[in-house]
Amino acid sequence: APLLVRRDGSQWDDNPGQRYDRQIDKV
């Protein structure tokens, strides 16, 4: 199973639109 997951339990994705960097932008 993925070690690092989103709040909803889904895997962080490297696809545009689902990327972790959109969340990092908020930080």
mmCIF file of all heavy atoms, coordinates in Angstrom:
data_MODEL
# 
_entry.id   MODEL 
# 
loop_
_atom_site.group_PDB 
_atom_site.id 
_atom_site.type_symbol 
_atom_site.label_atom_id 
_atom_site.label_alt_id 
_atom_site.label_comp_id 
_atom_site.label_asym_id 
_atom_site.label_entity_id 
_atom_site.label_seq_id 
_atom_site.pdbx_PDB_ins_code 
_atom_site.Cartn_x 
_atom_site.Cartn_y 
_atom_site.Cartn_z 
_atom_site.occupancy 
_atom_site.B_iso_or_equiv 
_atom_site.pdbx_formal_charge 
_atom_site.auth_seq_id 
_atom_site.auth_comp_id 
_atom_site.auth_asym_id 
_atom_site.auth_atom_id 
_atom_site.pdbx_PDB_model_num 
ATOM 1   N N   . ALA A 1 1  ? 0.854   -1.202 0.000   1.00 0.00 ? 1  ALA A N   1 
ATOM 2   C CA  . ALA A 1 1  ? 0.000   0.000  0.000   1.00 0.00 ? 1  ALA A CA  1 
ATOM 3   C C   . ALA A 1 1  ? 0.885   1.246  0.000   1.00 0.00 ? 1  ALA A C   1 
ATOM 4   O O   . ALA A 1 1  ? 1.993   1.234  0.532   1.00 0.00 ? 1  ALA A O   1 
ATOM 5   C CB  . ALA A 1 1  ? -0.903  0.006  1.227   1.00 0.00 ? 1  ALA A CB  1 
ATOM 6   N N   . PRO A 1 2  ? 0.403   2.341  -0.595  1.00 0.00 ? 2  PRO A N   1 
ATOM 7   C CA  . PRO A 1 2  ? 1.171   3.591  -0.560  1.00 0.00 ? 2  PRO A CA  1 
ATOM 8   C C   . PRO A 1 2  ? 1.400   4.034  0.889   1.00 0.00 ? 2  PRO A C   1 
ATOM 9   O O   . PRO A 1 2  ? 0.495   3.949  1.715   1.00 0.00 ? 2  PRO A O   1 
ATOM 10  C CB  . PRO A 1 2  ? 0.283   4.590  -1.288  1.00 0.00 ? 2  PRO A CB  1 
ATOM 11  C CG  . PRO A 1 2  ? -0.713  3.782  -2.038  1.00 0.00 ? 2  PRO A CG  1 
ATOM 12  C CD  . PRO A 1 2  ? -0.867  2.490  -1.302  1.00 0.00 ? 2  PRO A CD  1 
ATOM 13  N N   . LEU A 1 3  ? 2.608   4.485  1.179   1.00 0.00 ? 3  LEU A N   1 
ATOM 14  C CA  . LEU A 1 3  ? 2.926   4.955  2.529   1.00 0.00 ? 3  LEU A CA  1 
ATOM 15  C C   . LEU A 1 3  ? 2.344   6.335  2.779   1.00 0.00 ? 3  LEU A C   1 
ATOM 16  O O   . LEU A 1 3  ? 1.769   6.596  3.826   1.00 0.00 ? 3  LEU A O   1 
ATOM 17  C CB  . LEU A 1 3  ? 4.452   4.973  2.719   1.00 0.00 ? 3  LEU A CB  1 
ATOM 18  C CG  . LEU A 1 3  ? 4.965   5.432  4.078   1.00 0.00 ? 3  LEU A CG  1 
ATOM 19  C CD1 . LEU A 1 3  ? 4.451   4.530  5.202   1.00 0.00 ? 3  LEU A CD1 1 
ATOM 20  C CD2 . LEU A 1 3  ? 6.489   5.467  4.082   1.00 0.00 ? 3  LEU A CD2 1 
ATOM 21  N N   . LEU A 1 4  ? 2.493   7.212  1.803   1.00 0.00 ? 4  LEU A N   1 
ATOM 22  C CA  . LEU A 1 4  ? 1.992   8.585  1.925   1.00 0.00 ? 4  LEU A CA  1 
ATOM 23  C C   . LEU A 1 4  ? 0.710   8.708  1.103   1.00 0.00 ? 4  LEU A C   1 
ATOM 24  O O   . LEU A 1 4  ? 0.718   8.454  -0.097  1.00 0.00 ? 4  LEU A O   1 
ATOM 25  C CB  . LEU A 1 4  ? 3.041   9.573  1.415   1.00 0.00 ? 4  LEU A CB  1 
ATOM 26  C CG  . LEU A 1 4  ? 4.362   9.553  2.175   1.00 0.00 ? 4  LEU A CG  1 
ATOM 27  C CD1 . LEU A 1 4  ? 5.441   10.278 1.394   1.00 0.00 ? 4  LEU A CD1 1 
ATOM 28  C CD2 . LEU A 1 4  ? 4.194   10.172 3.552   1.00 0.00 ? 4  LEU A CD2 1 
ATOM 29  N N   . VAL A 1 5  ? -0.372  9.065  1.774   1.00 0.00 ? 5  VAL A N   1 
ATOM 30  C CA  . VAL A 1 5  ? -1.662  9.171  1.095   1.00 0.00 ? 5  VAL A CA  1 
ATOM 31  C C   . VAL A 1 5  ? -2.322  10.514 1.389   1.00 0.00 ? 5  VAL A C   1 
ATOM 32  O O   . VAL A 1 5  ? -1.951  11.215 2.332   1.00 0.00 ? 5  VAL A O   1 
ATOM 33  C CB  . VAL A 1 5  ? -2.620  8.028  1.505   1.00 0.00 ? 5  VAL A CB  1 
ATOM 34  C CG1 . VAL A 1 5  ? -2.096  6.679  1.027   1.00 0.00 ? 5  VAL A CG1 1 
ATOM 35  C CG2 . VAL A 1 5  ? -2.833  8.004  3.010   1.00 0.00 ? 5  VAL A CG2 1 
ATOM 36  N N   . ARG A 1 6  ? -3.315  10.841 0.582   1.00 0.00 ? 6  ARG A N   1 
ATOM 37  C CA  . ARG A 1 6  ? -4.102  12.064 0.777   1.00 0.00 ? 6  ARG A CA  1 
ATOM 38  C C   . ARG A 1 6  ? -5.037  11.899 1.976   1.00 0.00 ? 6  ARG A C   1 
ATOM 39  O O   . ARG A 1 6  ? -5.189  10.806 2.509   1.00 0.00 ? 6  ARG A O   1 
ATOM 40  C CB  . ARG A 1 6  ? -4.940  12.343 -0.477  1.00 0.00 ? 6  ARG A CB  1 
ATOM 41  C CG  . ARG A 1 6  ? -4.139  12.649 -1.695  1.00 0.00 ? 6  ARG A CG  1 
ATOM 42  C CD  . ARG A 1 6  ? -5.105  12.768 -2.895  1.00 0.00 ? 6  ARG A CD  1 
ATOM 43  N NE  . ARG A 1 6  ? -4.379  13.073 -4.098  1.00 0.00 ? 6  ARG A NE  1 
ATOM 44  C CZ  . ARG A 1 6  ? -4.095  14.315 -4.489  1.00 0.00 ? 6  ARG A CZ  1 
ATOM 45  N NH1 . ARG A 1 6  ? -4.474  15.340 -3.780  1.00 0.00 ? 6  ARG A NH1 1 
ATOM 46  N NH2 . ARG A 1 6  ? -3.430  14.515 -5.600  1.00 0.00 ? 6  ARG A NH2 1 
ATOM 47  N N   . ARG A 1 7  ? -5.679  12.978 2.335   1.00 0.00 ? 7  ARG A N   1 
ATOM 48  C CA  . ARG A 1 7  ? -6.618  12.977 3.451   1.00 0.00 ? 7  ARG A CA  1 
ATOM 49  C C   . ARG A 1 7  ? -7.720  11.934 3.255   1.00 0.00 ? 7  ARG A C   1 
ATOM 50  O O   . ARG A 1 7  ? -8.154  11.285 4.203   1.00 0.00 ? 7  ARG A O   1 
ATOM 51  C CB  . ARG A 1 7  ? -7.245  14.366 3.607   1.00 0.00 ? 7  ARG A CB  1 
ATOM 52  C CG  . ARG A 1 7  ? -8.053  14.505 4.874   1.00 0.00 ? 7  ARG A CG  1 
ATOM 53  C CD  . ARG A 1 7  ? -8.701  15.846 5.021   1.00 0.00 ? 7  ARG A CD  1 
ATOM 54  N NE  . ARG A 1 7  ? -7.852  16.919 4.516   1.00 0.00 ? 7  ARG A NE  1 
ATOM 55  C CZ  . ARG A 1 7  ? -8.254  18.154 4.322   1.00 0.00 ? 7  ARG A CZ  1 
ATOM 56  N NH1 . ARG A 1 7  ? -9.496  18.498 4.576   1.00 0.00 ? 7  ARG A NH1 1 
ATOM 57  N NH2 . ARG A 1 7  ? -7.444  19.073 3.870   1.00 0.00 ? 7  ARG A NH2 1 
ATOM 58  N N   . ASP A 1 8  ? -8.169  11.746 2.003   1.00 0.00 ? 8  ASP A N   1 
ATOM 59  C CA  . ASP A 1 8  ? -9.240  10.782 1.724   1.00 0.00 ? 8  ASP A CA  1 
ATOM 60  C C   . ASP A 1 8  ? -8.735  9.350  1.579   1.00 0.00 ? 8  ASP A C   1 
ATOM 61  O O   . ASP A 1 8  ? -9.497  8.434  1.270   1.00 0.00 ? 8  ASP A O   1 
ATOM 62  C CB  . ASP A 1 8  ? -10.029 11.196 0.478   1.00 0.00 ? 8  ASP A CB  1 
ATOM 63  C CG  . ASP A 1 8  ? -9.207  11.151 -0.801  1.00 0.00 ? 8  ASP A CG  1 
ATOM 64  O OD1 . ASP A 1 8  ? -8.035  10.723 -0.766  1.00 0.00 ? 8  ASP A OD1 1 
ATOM 65  O OD2 . ASP A 1 8  ? -9.739  11.544 -1.861  1.00 0.00 ? 8  ASP A OD2 1 
ATOM 66  N N   . GLY A 1 9  ? -7.429  9.136  1.786   1.00 0.00 ? 9  GLY A N   1 
ATOM 67  C CA  . GLY A 1 9  ? -6.854  7.804  1.706   1.00 0.00 ? 9  GLY A CA  1 
ATOM 68  C C   . GLY A 1 9  ? -6.353  7.419  0.329   1.00 0.00 ? 9  GLY A C   1 
ATOM 69  O O   . GLY A 1 9  ? -5.727  6.372  0.159   1.00 0.00 ? 9  GLY A O   1 
ATOM 70  N N   . SER A 1 10 ? -6.604  8.249  -0.675  1.00 0.00 ? 10 SER A N   1 
ATOM 71  C CA  . SER A 1 10 ? -6.127  7.944  -2.028  1.00 0.00 ? 10 SER A CA  1 
ATOM 72  C C   . SER A 1 10 ? -4.645  8.293  -2.146  1.00 0.00 ? 10 SER A C   1 
ATOM 73  O O   . SER A 1 10 ? -4.106  9.081  -1.375  1.00 0.00 ? 10 SER A O   1 
ATOM 74  C CB  . SER A 1 10 ? -6.946  8.701  -3.075  1.00 0.00 ? 10 SER A CB  1 
ATOM 75  O OG  . SER A 1 10 ? -6.745  10.099 -2.952  1.00 0.00 ? 10 SER A OG  1 
ATOM 76  N N   . GLN A 1 11 ? -4.023  7.705  -3.150  1.00 0.00 ? 11 GLN A N   1 
ATOM 77  C CA  . GLN A 1 11 ? -2.598  7.910  -3.368  1.00 0.00 ? 11 GLN A CA  1 
ATOM 78  C C   . GLN A 1 11 ? -2.341  9.292  -3.952  1.00 0.00 ? 11 GLN A C   1 
ATOM 79  O O   . GLN A 1 11 ? -3.108  9.780  -4.771  1.00 0.00 ? 11 GLN A O   1 
ATOM 80  C CB  . GLN A 1 11 ? -2.079  6.838  -4.323  1.00 0.00 ? 11 GLN A CB  1 
ATOM 81  C CG  . GLN A 1 11 ? -0.597  6.899  -4.550  1.00 0.00 ? 11 GLN A CG  1 
ATOM 82  C CD  . GLN A 1 11 ? -0.091  5.698  -5.338  1.00 0.00 ? 11 GLN A CD  1 
ATOM 83  O OE1 . GLN A 1 11 ? -0.806  4.736  -5.550  1.00 0.00 ? 11 GLN A OE1 1 
ATOM 84  N NE2 . GLN A 1 11 ? 1.161   5.768  -5.745  1.00 0.00 ? 11 GLN A NE2 1 
ATOM 85  N N   . TRP A 1 12 ? -1.247  9.912  -3.509  1.00 0.00 ? 12 TRP A N   1 
ATOM 86  C CA  . TRP A 1 12 ? -0.802  11.137 -4.162  1.00 0.00 ? 12 TRP A CA  1 
ATOM 87  C C   . TRP A 1 12 ? -0.475  10.778 -5.594  1.00 0.00 ? 12 TRP A C   1 
ATOM 88  O O   . TRP A 1 12 ? 0.140   9.744  -5.854  1.00 0.00 ? 12 TRP A O   1 
ATOM 89  C CB  . TRP A 1 12 ? 0.440   11.722 -3.473  1.00 0.00 ? 12 TRP A CB  1 
ATOM 90  C CG  . TRP A 1 12 ? 0.166   12.279 -2.125  1.00 0.00 ? 12 TRP A CG  1 
ATOM 91  C CD1 . TRP A 1 12 ? 0.444   11.677 -0.933  1.00 0.00 ? 12 TRP A CD1 1 
ATOM 92  C CD2 . TRP A 1 12 ? -0.429  13.532 -1.815  1.00 0.00 ? 12 TRP A CD2 1 
ATOM 93  N NE1 . TRP A 1 12 ? 0.058   12.488 0.099   1.00 0.00 ? 12 TRP A NE1 1 
ATOM 94  C CE2 . TRP A 1 12 ? -0.482  13.639 -0.416  1.00 0.00 ? 12 TRP A CE2 1 
ATOM 95  C CE3 . TRP A 1 12 ? -0.928  14.580 -2.580  1.00 0.00 ? 12 TRP A CE3 1 
ATOM 96  C CZ2 . TRP A 1 12 ? -1.003  14.739 0.241   1.00 0.00 ? 12 TRP A CZ2 1 
ATOM 97  C CZ3 . TRP A 1 12 ? -1.444  15.686 -1.933  1.00 0.00 ? 12 TRP A CZ3 1 
ATOM 98  C CH2 . TRP A 1 12 ? -1.484  15.764 -0.544  1.00 0.00 ? 12 TRP A CH2 1 
ATOM 99  N N   . ASP A 1 13 ? -0.873  11.609 -6.496  1.00 0.00 ? 13 ASP A N   1 
ATOM 100 C CA  . ASP A 1 13 ? -0.714  11.297 -7.908  1.00 0.00 ? 13 ASP A CA  1 
ATOM 101 C C   . ASP A 1 13 ? 0.254   12.265 -8.556  1.00 0.00 ? 13 ASP A C   1 
ATOM 102 O O   . ASP A 1 13 ? 0.350   13.418 -8.159  1.00 0.00 ? 13 ASP A O   1 
ATOM 103 C CB  . ASP A 1 13 ? -2.077  11.389 -8.596  1.00 0.00 ? 13 ASP A CB  1 
ATOM 104 C CG  . ASP A 1 13 ? -2.140  10.627 -9.895  1.00 0.00 ? 13 ASP A CG  1 
ATOM 105 O OD1 . ASP A 1 13 ? -1.082  10.229 -10.409 1.00 0.00 ? 13 ASP A OD1 1 
ATOM 106 O OD2 . ASP A 1 13 ? -3.259  10.440 -10.399 1.00 0.00 ? 13 ASP A OD2 1 
ATOM 107 N N   . ASP A 1 14 ? 0.938   11.789 -9.566  1.00 0.00 ? 14 ASP A N   1 
ATOM 108 C CA  . ASP A 1 14 ? 1.881   12.624 -10.300 1.00 0.00 ? 14 ASP A CA  1 
ATOM 109 C C   . ASP A 1 14 ? 1.269   13.103 -11.618 1.00 0.00 ? 14 ASP A C   1 
ATOM 110 O O   . ASP A 1 14 ? 1.950   13.624 -12.462 1.00 0.00 ? 14 ASP A O   1 
ATOM 111 C CB  . ASP A 1 14 ? 3.169   11.834 -10.560 1.00 0.00 ? 14 ASP A CB  1 
ATOM 112 C CG  . ASP A 1 14 ? 4.341   12.726 -10.886 1.00 0.00 ? 14 ASP A CG  1 
ATOM 113 O OD1 . ASP A 1 14 ? 4.309   13.905 -10.509 1.00 0.00 ? 14 ASP A OD1 1 
ATOM 114 O OD2 . ASP A 1 14 ? 5.292   12.241 -11.525 1.00 0.00 ? 14 ASP A OD2 1 
ATOM 115 N N   . ASN A 1 15 ? -0.029  12.912 -11.772 1.00 0.00 ? 15 ASN A N   1 
ATOM 116 C CA  . ASN A 1 15 ? -0.703  13.344 -13.000 1.00 0.00 ? 15 ASN A CA  1 
ATOM 117 C C   . ASN A 1 15 ? -1.204  14.775 -12.868 1.00 0.00 ? 15 ASN A C   1 
ATOM 118 O O   . ASN A 1 15 ? -1.678  15.175 -11.803 1.00 0.00 ? 15 ASN A O   1 
ATOM 119 C CB  . ASN A 1 15 ? -1.890  12.427 -13.309 1.00 0.00 ? 15 ASN A CB  1 
ATOM 120 C CG  . ASN A 1 15 ? -1.449  11.021 -13.642 1.00 0.00 ? 15 ASN A CG  1 
ATOM 121 O OD1 . ASN A 1 15 ? -0.434  10.833 -14.282 1.00 0.00 ? 15 ASN A OD1 1 
ATOM 122 N ND2 . ASN A 1 15 ? -2.195  10.040 -13.171 1.00 0.00 ? 15 ASN A ND2 1 
ATOM 123 N N   . PRO A 1 16 ? -1.134  15.555 -13.946 1.00 0.00 ? 16 PRO A N   1 
ATOM 124 C CA  . PRO A 1 16 ? -1.645  16.931 -13.894 1.00 0.00 ? 16 PRO A CA  1 
ATOM 125 C C   . PRO A 1 16 ? -3.099  16.945 -13.419 1.00 0.00 ? 16 PRO A C   1 
ATOM 126 O O   . PRO A 1 16 ? -3.883  16.091 -13.758 1.00 0.00 ? 16 PRO A O   1 
ATOM 127 C CB  . PRO A 1 16 ? -1.530  17.403 -15.347 1.00 0.00 ? 16 PRO A CB  1 
ATOM 128 C CG  . PRO A 1 16 ? -0.451  16.543 -15.932 1.00 0.00 ? 16 PRO A CG  1 
ATOM 129 C CD  . PRO A 1 16 ? -0.578  15.207 -15.242 1.00 0.00 ? 16 PRO A CD  1 
ATOM 130 N N   . GLY A 1 17 ? -3.428  17.912 -12.609 1.00 0.00 ? 17 GLY A N   1 
ATOM 131 C CA  . GLY A 1 17 ? -4.775  18.030 -12.062 1.00 0.00 ? 17 GLY A CA  1 
ATOM 132 C C   . GLY A 1 17 ? -4.933  17.338 -10.722 1.00 0.00 ? 17 GLY A C   1 
ATOM 133 O O   . GLY A 1 17 ? -5.786  17.687 -9.932  1.00 0.00 ? 17 GLY A O   1 
ATOM 134 N N   . GLN A 1 18 ? -4.116  16.327 -10.474 1.00 0.00 ? 18 GLN A N   1 
ATOM 135 C CA  . GLN A 1 18 ? -4.174  15.584 -9.215  1.00 0.00 ? 18 GLN A CA  1 
ATOM 136 C C   . GLN A 1 18 ? -2.854  15.689 -8.461  1.00 0.00 ? 18 GLN A C   1 
ATOM 137 O O   . GLN A 1 18 ? -2.617  14.968 -7.517  1.00 0.00 ? 18 GLN A O   1 
ATOM 138 C CB  . GLN A 1 18 ? -4.462  14.101 -9.501  1.00 0.00 ? 18 GLN A CB  1 
ATOM 139 C CG  . GLN A 1 18 ? -5.788  13.839 -10.131 1.00 0.00 ? 18 GLN A CG  1 
ATOM 140 C CD  . GLN A 1 18 ? -6.921  14.116 -9.172  1.00 0.00 ? 18 GLN A CD  1 
ATOM 141 O OE1 . GLN A 1 18 ? -6.820  13.845 -7.974  1.00 0.00 ? 18 GLN A OE1 1 
ATOM 142 N NE2 . GLN A 1 18 ? -7.985  14.686 -9.670  1.00 0.00 ? 18 GLN A NE2 1 
ATOM 143 N N   . ARG A 1 19 ? -2.009  16.555 -8.921  1.00 0.00 ? 19 ARG A N   1 
ATOM 144 C CA  . ARG A 1 19 ? -0.646  16.593 -8.411  1.00 0.00 ? 19 ARG A CA  1 
ATOM 145 C C   . ARG A 1 19 ? -0.553  17.132 -6.985  1.00 0.00 ? 19 ARG A C   1 
ATOM 146 O O   . ARG A 1 19 ? -1.335  17.961 -6.560  1.00 0.00 ? 19 ARG A O   1 
ATOM 147 C CB  . ARG A 1 19 ? 0.226   17.435 -9.335  1.00 0.00 ? 19 ARG A CB  1 
ATOM 148 C CG  . ARG A 1 19 ? 0.439   16.766 -10.686 1.00 0.00 ? 19 ARG A CG  1 
ATOM 149 C CD  . ARG A 1 19 ? 1.233   17.643 -11.573 1.00 0.00 ? 19 ARG A CD  1 
ATOM 150 N NE  . ARG A 1 19 ? 2.514   17.954 -10.995 1.00 0.00 ? 19 ARG A NE  1 
ATOM 151 C CZ  . ARG A 1 19 ? 3.661   17.460 -11.399 1.00 0.00 ? 19 ARG A CZ  1 
ATOM 152 N NH1 . ARG A 1 19 ? 3.699   16.646 -12.397 1.00 0.00 ? 19 ARG A NH1 1 
ATOM 153 N NH2 . ARG A 1 19 ? 4.787   17.804 -10.818 1.00 0.00 ? 19 ARG A NH2 1 
ATOM 154 N N   . TYR A 1 20 ? 0.468   16.662 -6.295  1.00 0.00 ? 20 TYR A N   1 
ATOM 155 C CA  . TYR A 1 20 ? 0.784   17.116 -4.947  1.00 0.00 ? 20 TYR A CA  1 
ATOM 156 C C   . TYR A 1 20 ? 1.206   18.580 -4.957  1.00 0.00 ? 20 TYR A C   1 
ATOM 157 O O   . TYR A 1 20 ? 1.002   19.287 -3.990  1.00 0.00 ? 20 TYR A O   1 
ATOM 158 C CB  . TYR A 1 20 ? 1.915   16.257 -4.368  1.00 0.00 ? 20 TYR A CB  1 
ATOM 159 C CG  . TYR A 1 20 ? 3.017   16.033 -5.372  1.00 0.00 ? 20 TYR A CG  1 
ATOM 160 C CD1 . TYR A 1 20 ? 3.979   17.003 -5.615  1.00 0.00 ? 20 TYR A CD1 1 
ATOM 161 C CD2 . TYR A 1 20 ? 3.053   14.872 -6.132  1.00 0.00 ? 20 TYR A CD2 1 
ATOM 162 C CE1 . TYR A 1 20 ? 4.941   16.824 -6.577  1.00 0.00 ? 20 TYR A CE1 1 
ATOM 163 C CE2 . TYR A 1 20 ? 4.028   14.686 -7.091  1.00 0.00 ? 20 TYR A CE2 1 
ATOM 164 C CZ  . TYR A 1 20 ? 4.963   15.663 -7.305  1.00 0.00 ? 20 TYR A CZ  1 
ATOM 165 O OH  . TYR A 1 20 ? 5.919   15.496 -8.268  1.00 0.00 ? 20 TYR A OH  1 
ATOM 166 N N   . ASP A 1 21 ? 1.776   19.049 -6.072  1.00 0.00 ? 21 ASP A N   1 
ATOM 167 C CA  . ASP A 1 21 ? 2.306   20.414 -6.071  1.00 0.00 ? 21 ASP A CA  1 
ATOM 168 C C   . ASP A 1 21 ? 1.209   21.468 -5.988  1.00 0.00 ? 21 ASP A C   1 
ATOM 169 O O   . ASP A 1 21 ? 1.449   22.573 -5.523  1.00 0.00 ? 21 ASP A O   1 
ATOM 170 C CB  . ASP A 1 21 ? 3.247   20.672 -7.235  1.00 0.00 ? 21 ASP A CB  1 
ATOM 171 C CG  . ASP A 1 21 ? 2.662   20.372 -8.601  1.00 0.00 ? 21 ASP A CG  1 
ATOM 172 O OD1 . ASP A 1 21 ? 1.504   19.935 -8.680  1.00 0.00 ? 21 ASP A OD1 1 
ATOM 173 O OD2 . ASP A 1 21 ? 3.385   20.572 -9.585  1.00 0.00 ? 21 ASP A OD2 1 
ATOM 174 N N   . ARG A 1 22 ? -0.003  21.139 -6.376  1.00 0.00 ? 22 ARG A N   1 
ATOM 175 C CA  . ARG A 1 22 ? -1.115  22.088 -6.208  1.00 0.00 ? 22 ARG A CA  1 
ATOM 176 C C   . ARG A 1 22 ? -1.378  22.316 -4.718  1.00 0.00 ? 22 ARG A C   1 
ATOM 177 O O   . ARG A 1 22 ? -1.726  23.407 -4.306  1.00 0.00 ? 22 ARG A O   1 
ATOM 178 C CB  . ARG A 1 22 ? -2.358  21.595 -6.915  1.00 0.00 ? 22 ARG A CB  1 
ATOM 179 C CG  . ARG A 1 22 ? -2.178  21.491 -8.417  1.00 0.00 ? 22 ARG A CG  1 
ATOM 180 C CD  . ARG A 1 22 ? -3.505  21.364 -9.123  1.00 0.00 ? 22 ARG A CD  1 
ATOM 181 N NE  . ARG A 1 22 ? -3.323  21.079 -10.529 1.00 0.00 ? 22 ARG A NE  1 
ATOM 182 C CZ  . ARG A 1 22 ? -3.026  21.986 -11.445 1.00 0.00 ? 22 ARG A CZ  1 
ATOM 183 N NH1 . ARG A 1 22 ? -2.835  23.229 -11.107 1.00 0.00 ? 22 ARG A NH1 1 
ATOM 184 N NH2 . ARG A 1 22 ? -2.901  21.640 -12.709 1.00 0.00 ? 22 ARG A NH2 1 
ATOM 185 N N   . GLN A 1 23 ? -1.193  21.271 -3.932  1.00 0.00 ? 23 GLN A N   1 
ATOM 186 C CA  . GLN A 1 23 ? -1.345  21.395 -2.481  1.00 0.00 ? 23 GLN A CA  1 
ATOM 187 C C   . GLN A 1 23 ? -0.148  22.115 -1.867  1.00 0.00 ? 23 GLN A C   1 
ATOM 188 O O   . GLN A 1 23 ? -0.300  22.922 -0.952  1.00 0.00 ? 23 GLN A O   1 
ATOM 189 C CB  . GLN A 1 23 ? -1.523  20.005 -1.847  1.00 0.00 ? 23 GLN A CB  1 
ATOM 190 C CG  . GLN A 1 23 ? -2.749  19.264 -2.324  1.00 0.00 ? 23 GLN A CG  1 
ATOM 191 C CD  . GLN A 1 23 ? -4.020  20.035 -2.061  1.00 0.00 ? 23 GLN A CD  1 
ATOM 192 O OE1 . GLN A 1 23 ? -4.228  20.550 -0.967  1.00 0.00 ? 23 GLN A OE1 1 
ATOM 193 N NE2 . GLN A 1 23 ? -4.859  20.146 -3.074  1.00 0.00 ? 23 GLN A NE2 1 
ATOM 194 N N   . ILE A 1 24 ? 1.040   21.826 -2.379  1.00 0.00 ? 24 ILE A N   1 
ATOM 195 C CA  . ILE A 1 24 ? 2.253   22.498 -1.892  1.00 0.00 ? 24 ILE A CA  1 
ATOM 196 C C   . ILE A 1 24 ? 2.139   24.006 -2.140  1.00 0.00 ? 24 ILE A C   1 
ATOM 197 O O   . ILE A 1 24 ? 2.576   24.817 -1.319  1.00 0.00 ? 24 ILE A O   1 
ATOM 198 C CB  . ILE A 1 24 ? 3.523   21.916 -2.556  1.00 0.00 ? 24 ILE A CB  1 
ATOM 199 C CG1 . ILE A 1 24 ? 3.678   20.433 -2.249  1.00 0.00 ? 24 ILE A CG1 1 
ATOM 200 C CG2 . ILE A 1 24 ? 4.756   22.715 -2.195  1.00 0.00 ? 24 ILE A CG2 1 
ATOM 201 C CD1 . ILE A 1 24 ? 4.179   20.078 -0.882  1.00 0.00 ? 24 ILE A CD1 1 
ATOM 202 N N   . ASP A 1 25 ? 1.525   24.384 -3.266  1.00 0.00 ? 25 ASP A N   1 
ATOM 203 C CA  . ASP A 1 25 ? 1.322   25.814 -3.555  1.00 0.00 ? 25 ASP A CA  1 
ATOM 204 C C   . ASP A 1 25 ? 0.582   26.506 -2.412  1.00 0.00 ? 25 ASP A C   1 
ATOM 205 O O   . ASP A 1 25 ? 0.885   27.645 -2.060  1.00 0.00 ? 25 ASP A O   1 
ATOM 206 C CB  . ASP A 1 25 ? 0.535   26.007 -4.856  1.00 0.00 ? 25 ASP A CB  1 
ATOM 207 C CG  . ASP A 1 25 ? 1.354   25.713 -6.099  1.00 0.00 ? 25 ASP A CG  1 
ATOM 208 O OD1 . ASP A 1 25 ? 2.584   25.504 -5.978  1.00 0.00 ? 25 ASP A OD1 1 
ATOM 209 O OD2 . ASP A 1 25 ? 0.764   25.697 -7.199  1.00 0.00 ? 25 ASP A OD2 1 
ATOM 210 N N   . LYS A 1 26 ? -0.391  25.818 -1.825  1.00 0.00 ? 26 LYS A N   1 
ATOM 211 C CA  . LYS A 1 26 ? -1.158  26.390 -0.699  1.00 0.00 ? 26 LYS A CA  1 
ATOM 212 C C   . LYS A 1 26 ? -0.245  26.636 0.506   1.00 0.00 ? 26 LYS A C   1 
ATOM 213 O O   . LYS A 1 26 ? -0.391  27.630 1.205   1.00 0.00 ? 26 LYS A O   1 
ATOM 214 C CB  . LYS A 1 26 ? -2.308  25.459 -0.314  1.00 0.00 ? 26 LYS A CB  1 
ATOM 215 C CG  . LYS A 1 26 ? -3.368  25.328 -1.379  1.00 0.00 ? 26 LYS A CG  1 
ATOM 216 C CD  . LYS A 1 26 ? -4.429  24.336 -0.955  1.00 0.00 ? 26 LYS A CD  1 
ATOM 217 C CE  . LYS A 1 26 ? -5.437  24.108 -2.078  1.00 0.00 ? 26 LYS A CE  1 
ATOM 218 N NZ  . LYS A 1 26 ? -6.421  23.085 -1.708  1.00 0.00 ? 26 LYS A NZ  1 
ATOM 219 N N   . VAL A 1 27 ? 0.693   25.737 0.724   1.00 0.00 ? 27 VAL A N   1 
ATOM 220 C CA  . VAL A 1 27 ? 1.644   25.890 1.827   1.00 0.00 ? 27 VAL A CA  1 
ATOM 221 C C   . VAL A 1 27 ? 2.548   27.094 1.559   1.00 0.00 ? 27 VAL A C   1 
ATOM 222 O O   . VAL A 1 27 ? 2.787   27.917 2.447   1.00 0.00 ? 27 VAL A O   1 
ATOM 223 C CB  . VAL A 1 27 ? 2.501   24.618 2.018   1.00 0.00 ? 27 VAL A CB  1 
ATOM 224 C CG1 . VAL A 1 27 ? 3.543   24.820 3.111   1.00 0.00 ? 27 VAL A CG1 1 
ATOM 225 C CG2 . VAL A 1 27 ? 1.617   23.420 2.315   1.00 0.00 ? 27 VAL A CG2 1 
# 
